[in-house]
Amino acid sequence: MSGESKSVLIAGGGPVDLLCAWHLGRQGIPVRLFDDNDGLQADPRAATTHPATLDLLAEDGLAGRPTAANGMRRW
């Protein structure tokens, strides 16, 4: 296995999967994420974002409201 690149595989592109991939990636851990969809969905299944998650996202300036300009519908 020497010389092989290893990464974490995440199966699914839902809110929790994307948050895990982002959190691992910002720590320098290579991630491969697989999902049936080829982009963000207009009808996310998560009804809320918990305060602890918002705190994590705020560290990288990602806690703002999603907009159509960045691929998501307006709230």
Protein backbone atom coordinates (compact mmCIF):
# COMPACT_ATOMS: atom_id res chain seq x y z
CA MET A 1 0.00 0.00 0.00
CA SER A 2 2.93 2.36 0.02
CA GLY A 3 2.53 5.26 -2.36
CA GLU A 4 -1.24 4.82 -2.55
CA SER A 5 -3.44 7.79 -1.88
CA LYS A 6 -6.11 7.10 0.71
CA SER A 7 -9.29 9.05 1.23
CA VAL A 8 -12.52 8.85 3.16
CA LEU A 9 -15.47 7.71 1.05
CA ILE A 10 -18.82 9.30 1.84
CA ALA A 11 -21.87 7.71 0.21
CA GLY A 12 -24.58 10.35 -0.08
CA GLY A 13 -24.76 14.08 -0.65
CA GLY A 14 -27.33 15.12 1.94
CA PRO A 15 -26.79 17.89 4.47
CA VAL A 16 -24.96 15.68 6.99
CA ASP A 17 -22.81 14.05 4.29
CA LEU A 18 -21.79 17.41 2.84
CA LEU A 19 -21.02 18.82 6.28
CA CYS A 20 -18.84 15.79 7.09
CA ALA A 21 -17.00 16.09 3.77
CA TRP A 22 -16.41 19.82 4.32
CA HIS A 23 -15.24 19.30 7.91
CA LEU A 24 -12.81 16.50 6.95
CA GLY A 25 -11.53 18.42 3.94
CA ARG A 26 -10.75 21.54 5.95
CA GLN A 27 -8.59 19.35 8.18
CA GLY A 28 -6.62 18.19 5.15
CA ILE A 29 -8.20 14.74 4.97
CA PRO A 30 -8.93 13.71 1.36
CA VAL A 31 -12.61 12.96 0.76
CA ARG A 32 -14.48 11.30 -2.11
CA LEU A 33 -18.22 11.93 -2.01
CA PHE A 34 -20.64 9.91 -4.11
CA ASP A 35 -24.31 10.73 -4.69
CA ASP A 36 -26.95 9.84 -7.28
CA ASN A 37 -27.61 13.53 -7.98
CA ASP A 38 -25.24 15.64 -10.04
CA GLY A 39 -25.82 18.88 -8.12
CA LEU A 40 -27.50 20.53 -5.16
CA GLN A 41 -31.18 19.75 -4.83
CA ALA A 42 -33.86 22.45 -4.72
CA ASP A 43 -35.74 20.56 -2.00
CA PRO A 44 -33.24 19.78 0.77
CA ARG A 45 -34.52 17.23 3.28
CA ALA A 46 -33.15 19.02 6.33
CA ALA A 47 -35.80 21.26 7.89
CA THR A 48 -33.43 23.12 10.21
CA THR A 49 -29.77 23.80 10.76
CA HIS A 50 -28.73 23.36 14.37
CA PRO A 51 -26.78 26.11 16.17
CA ALA A 52 -23.66 23.93 16.57
CA THR A 53 -23.63 23.37 12.79
CA LEU A 54 -24.02 27.10 12.16
CA ASP A 55 -21.05 27.73 14.49
CA LEU A 56 -18.89 25.33 12.43
CA LEU A 57 -19.99 26.91 9.16
CA ALA A 58 -19.41 30.43 10.50
CA GLU A 59 -15.72 29.62 11.05
CA ASP A 60 -15.29 29.64 7.25
CA GLY A 61 -17.88 32.31 6.49
CA LEU A 62 -20.44 29.76 5.25
CA ALA A 63 -23.29 30.46 7.68
CA GLY A 64 -25.11 32.98 5.47
CA ARG A 65 -28.46 32.36 3.86
CA PRO A 66 -28.26 30.33 0.63
CA THR A 67 -29.36 32.12 -2.53
CA ALA A 68 -30.14 31.22 -6.12
CA ALA A 69 -26.77 32.73 -7.08
CA ASN A 70 -24.89 29.93 -5.33
CA GLY A 71 -27.10 27.13 -6.61
CA MET A 72 -29.84 27.07 -4.02
CA ARG A 73 -33.32 28.53 -4.05
CA ARG A 74 -34.07 31.61 -1.97
CA TRP A 75 -35.56 31.09 1.47
